[in-house]
Structure formats: structure tokens, C-alpha cells
């Protein structure tokens, strides 16, 4: 499963996407999350969302089932490139394309990718 986030708001849509990613990863499925545009700031700092992202990445470390990639250019534009949660990987459109191509299911809450 691939989840493409573009909305940087820590609202219900983002929370639901994170809960779904957590549940799917807990069941042993591979989950890839790509945060682009304003969503590149979700994993930055010490907010509740960044803490949740760090927990998701840790789940992936233990089970090898979750990767979180933040668009490096978007993170740079937002000024959060060096403040991502541990385990979050900077990426680019090639990573996004690979995630989309390899996923059985793609979710893009908050708008098209």
C-alpha cells in the first residue's frame, strides 16, 4: 500500500491516513508513505503528528513494513529539511513513482497526487 500525503494540516484526514497506515503495517503488509507539498512538514519538529510518524517508522524498523519518505525539495521550501523525525528519508519524484508503480493500493487523501 502507498499513501501519498499532500495536505500539511494535522486534521482528521491526516489522522485517518496515519491510523490506516498503522493498522495495515501491523498486519504485516508493506506500507510506503510519501509526504509531498505541505505534508513535507508533518514529520518535522515535535508535534503530535511528528511523534506519530516517528512511532510508525519505528514499527517499520521492527517489522520492516513501513517507509516514510518526505519530498526533499518541499521540505527545503518549508524550512524543515533538517528537522524530520528519526527514520524519515528525504526523497524525490522518482521515489514517488516507484511507490506508486509497486503498490497494490494507492491512497491520496486530501487531493490527487
C-alpha atoms as a PDB file:
ATOM      1  CA  UNK A   1       0.000   0.000   0.000  1.00  0.00           C
ATOM      2  CA  UNK A   2       1.196   3.504  -0.789  1.00  0.00           C
ATOM      3  CA  UNK A   3      -0.152   6.619   0.918  1.00  0.00           C
ATOM      4  CA  UNK A   4       0.554   9.952  -0.747  1.00  0.00           C
ATOM      5  CA  UNK A   5       0.012  12.922   1.545  1.00  0.00           C
ATOM      6  CA  UNK A   6      -0.076  16.472   0.239  1.00  0.00           C
ATOM      7  CA  UNK A   7      -2.100  18.293   2.907  1.00  0.00           C
ATOM      8  CA  UNK A   8       0.005  19.693   5.725  1.00  0.00           C
ATOM      9  CA  UNK A   9      -2.899  20.155   8.112  1.00  0.00           C
ATOM     10  CA  UNK A  10      -2.983  17.881  11.121  1.00  0.00           C
ATOM     11  CA  UNK A  11      -6.693  17.307  10.631  1.00  0.00           C
ATOM     12  CA  UNK A  12      -8.995  14.316  10.519  1.00  0.00           C
ATOM     13  CA  UNK A  13      -7.934  13.283   7.005  1.00  0.00           C
ATOM     14  CA  UNK A  14      -4.281  13.078   8.010  1.00  0.00           C
ATOM     15  CA  UNK A  15      -5.104  11.308  11.289  1.00  0.00           C
ATOM     16  CA  UNK A  16      -7.232   8.740   9.461  1.00  0.00           C
ATOM     17  CA  UNK A  17      -4.483   8.094   6.905  1.00  0.00           C
ATOM     18  CA  UNK A  18      -1.942   7.584   9.694  1.00  0.00           C
ATOM     19  CA  UNK A  19      -4.244   5.202  11.591  1.00  0.00           C
ATOM     20  CA  UNK A  20      -4.861   3.219   8.417  1.00  0.00           C
ATOM     21  CA  UNK A  21      -1.127   3.015   7.674  1.00  0.00           C
ATOM     22  CA  UNK A  22      -0.528   1.828  11.238  1.00  0.00           C
ATOM     23  CA  UNK A  23      -3.176  -0.899  11.001  1.00  0.00           C
ATOM     24  CA  UNK A  24      -2.013  -2.138   7.622  1.00  0.00           C
ATOM     25  CA  UNK A  25       1.629  -2.234   8.780  1.00  0.00           C
ATOM     26  CA  UNK A  26       0.605  -4.028  11.989  1.00  0.00           C
ATOM     27  CA  UNK A  27      -0.913  -6.768   9.838  1.00  0.00           C
ATOM     28  CA  UNK A  28       2.431  -7.329   8.155  1.00  0.00           C
ATOM     29  CA  UNK A  29       1.795  -5.506   4.891  1.00  0.00           C
ATOM     30  CA  UNK A  30       4.352  -3.181   3.353  1.00  0.00           C
ATOM     31  CA  UNK A  31       3.339   0.469   3.627  1.00  0.00           C
ATOM     32  CA  UNK A  32       5.083   3.354   1.945  1.00  0.00           C
ATOM     33  CA  UNK A  33       4.158   6.924   2.796  1.00  0.00           C
ATOM     34  CA  UNK A  34       5.253   9.783   0.579  1.00  0.00           C
ATOM     35  CA  UNK A  35       4.765  13.271   2.036  1.00  0.00           C
ATOM     36  CA  UNK A  36       4.795  15.980  -0.620  1.00  0.00           C
ATOM     37  CA  UNK A  37       3.968  19.674  -0.804  1.00  0.00           C
ATOM     38  CA  UNK A  38       2.740  20.990   2.575  1.00  0.00           C
ATOM     39  CA  UNK A  39       2.695  17.447   4.017  1.00  0.00           C
ATOM     40  CA  UNK A  40       6.501  17.514   3.996  1.00  0.00           C
ATOM     41  CA  UNK A  41       6.218  19.409   7.265  1.00  0.00           C
ATOM     42  CA  UNK A  42       4.129  16.763   9.033  1.00  0.00           C
ATOM     43  CA  UNK A  43       7.129  14.756  10.235  1.00  0.00           C
ATOM     44  CA  UNK A  44       9.089  17.814  11.399  1.00  0.00           C
ATOM     45  CA  UNK A  45       9.612  19.105  14.895  1.00  0.00           C
ATOM     46  CA  UNK A  46       7.991  17.663  18.000  1.00  0.00           C
ATOM     47  CA  UNK A  47       4.284  17.980  17.219  1.00  0.00           C
ATOM     48  CA  UNK A  48       1.777  15.174  17.847  1.00  0.00           C
ATOM     49  CA  UNK A  49       1.867  14.256  14.171  1.00  0.00           C
ATOM     50  CA  UNK A  50       5.688  14.112  14.113  1.00  0.00           C
ATOM     51  CA  UNK A  51       5.572  11.875  17.187  1.00  0.00           C
ATOM     52  CA  UNK A  52       3.040   9.613  15.439  1.00  0.00           C
ATOM     53  CA  UNK A  53       5.250   9.494  12.340  1.00  0.00           C
ATOM     54  CA  UNK A  54       8.251   8.508  14.468  1.00  0.00           C
ATOM     55  CA  UNK A  55       6.174   5.704  16.023  1.00  0.00           C
ATOM     56  CA  UNK A  56       5.114   4.476  12.575  1.00  0.00           C
ATOM     57  CA  UNK A  57       8.696   4.453  11.366  1.00  0.00           C
ATOM     58  CA  UNK A  58       9.762   2.536  14.487  1.00  0.00           C
ATOM     59  CA  UNK A  59       7.056  -0.022  13.733  1.00  0.00           C
ATOM     60  CA  UNK A  60       8.579  -0.323  10.283  1.00  0.00           C
ATOM     61  CA  UNK A  61      12.043  -0.783  11.746  1.00  0.00           C
ATOM     62  CA  UNK A  62      10.856  -3.650  13.925  1.00  0.00           C
ATOM     63  CA  UNK A  63       8.729  -5.334  11.274  1.00  0.00           C
ATOM     64  CA  UNK A  64      10.359  -3.978   8.131  1.00  0.00           C
ATOM     65  CA  UNK A  65       6.979  -2.933   6.796  1.00  0.00           C
ATOM     66  CA  UNK A  66       6.837   0.875   6.735  1.00  0.00           C
ATOM     67  CA  UNK A  67       8.848   3.530   4.934  1.00  0.00           C
ATOM     68  CA  UNK A  68       8.186   7.271   5.236  1.00  0.00           C
ATOM     69  CA  UNK A  69       9.719   9.454   2.545  1.00  0.00           C
ATOM     70  CA  UNK A  70       9.406  13.232   2.551  1.00  0.00           C
ATOM     71  CA  UNK A  71       9.856  15.195  -0.651  1.00  0.00           C
ATOM     72  CA  UNK A  72      13.249  16.818  -0.082  1.00  0.00           C
ATOM     73  CA  UNK A  73      12.538  19.887  -2.215  1.00  0.00           C
ATOM     74  CA  UNK A  74       9.245  20.564  -0.433  1.00  0.00           C
ATOM     75  CA  UNK A  75      10.883  20.121   2.970  1.00  0.00           C
ATOM     76  CA  UNK A  76      13.593  22.564   1.943  1.00  0.00           C
ATOM     77  CA  UNK A  77      10.992  25.120   0.803  1.00  0.00           C
ATOM     78  CA  UNK A  78       9.172  24.763   4.131  1.00  0.00           C
ATOM     79  CA  UNK A  79      12.416  25.096   6.110  1.00  0.00           C
ATOM     80  CA  UNK A  80      12.023  21.694   7.804  1.00  0.00           C
ATOM     81  CA  UNK A  81      14.602  19.635   5.915  1.00  0.00           C
ATOM     82  CA  UNK A  82      16.846  19.117   8.927  1.00  0.00           C
ATOM     83  CA  UNK A  83      14.051  18.656  11.462  1.00  0.00           C
ATOM     84  CA  UNK A  84      12.370  15.443  10.269  1.00  0.00           C
ATOM     85  CA  UNK A  85      11.525  12.628  12.678  1.00  0.00           C
ATOM     86  CA  UNK A  86      14.186   9.922  13.042  1.00  0.00           C
ATOM     87  CA  UNK A  87      13.929   7.384  10.239  1.00  0.00           C
ATOM     88  CA  UNK A  88      12.213   9.695   7.766  1.00  0.00           C
ATOM     89  CA  UNK A  89      14.037   9.574   4.451  1.00  0.00           C
ATOM     90  CA  UNK A  90      14.328  12.507   2.027  1.00  0.00           C
ATOM     91  CA  UNK A  91      13.198  11.645  -1.473  1.00  0.00           C
ATOM     92  CA  UNK A  92      12.081  12.932  -4.836  1.00  0.00           C
ATOM     93  CA  UNK A  93       9.597  12.236  -7.624  1.00  0.00           C
ATOM     94  CA  UNK A  94      11.468   9.070  -8.627  1.00  0.00           C
ATOM     95  CA  UNK A  95      10.730   7.608  -5.189  1.00  0.00           C
ATOM     96  CA  UNK A  96       7.081   8.591  -5.500  1.00  0.00           C
ATOM     97  CA  UNK A  97       6.843   6.948  -8.906  1.00  0.00           C
ATOM     98  CA  UNK A  98       8.455   3.751  -7.583  1.00  0.00           C
ATOM     99  CA  UNK A  99       5.986   3.632  -4.677  1.00  0.00           C
ATOM    100  CA  UNK A 100       3.015   4.119  -6.988  1.00  0.00           C
ATOM    101  CA  UNK A 101       4.245   1.574  -9.512  1.00  0.00           C
ATOM    102  CA  UNK A 102       4.878  -1.113  -6.877  1.00  0.00           C
ATOM    103  CA  UNK A 103       1.778  -0.622  -4.719  1.00  0.00           C
ATOM    104  CA  UNK A 104      -1.312  -2.805  -4.838  1.00  0.00           C
ATOM    105  CA  UNK A 105      -3.381   0.052  -3.388  1.00  0.00           C
ATOM    106  CA  UNK A 106      -2.675   3.786  -3.537  1.00  0.00           C
ATOM    107  CA  UNK A 107      -4.416   6.282  -1.290  1.00  0.00           C
ATOM    108  CA  UNK A 108      -4.064  10.033  -1.774  1.00  0.00           C
ATOM    109  CA  UNK A 109      -6.181  11.684   0.932  1.00  0.00           C
ATOM    110  CA  UNK A 110      -6.597  15.410   0.593  1.00  0.00           C
ATOM    111  CA  UNK A 111      -6.277  15.542  -3.164  1.00  0.00           C
ATOM    112  CA  UNK A 112      -4.711  13.993  -6.240  1.00  0.00           C
ATOM    113  CA  UNK A 113      -1.017  13.302  -6.361  1.00  0.00           C
END
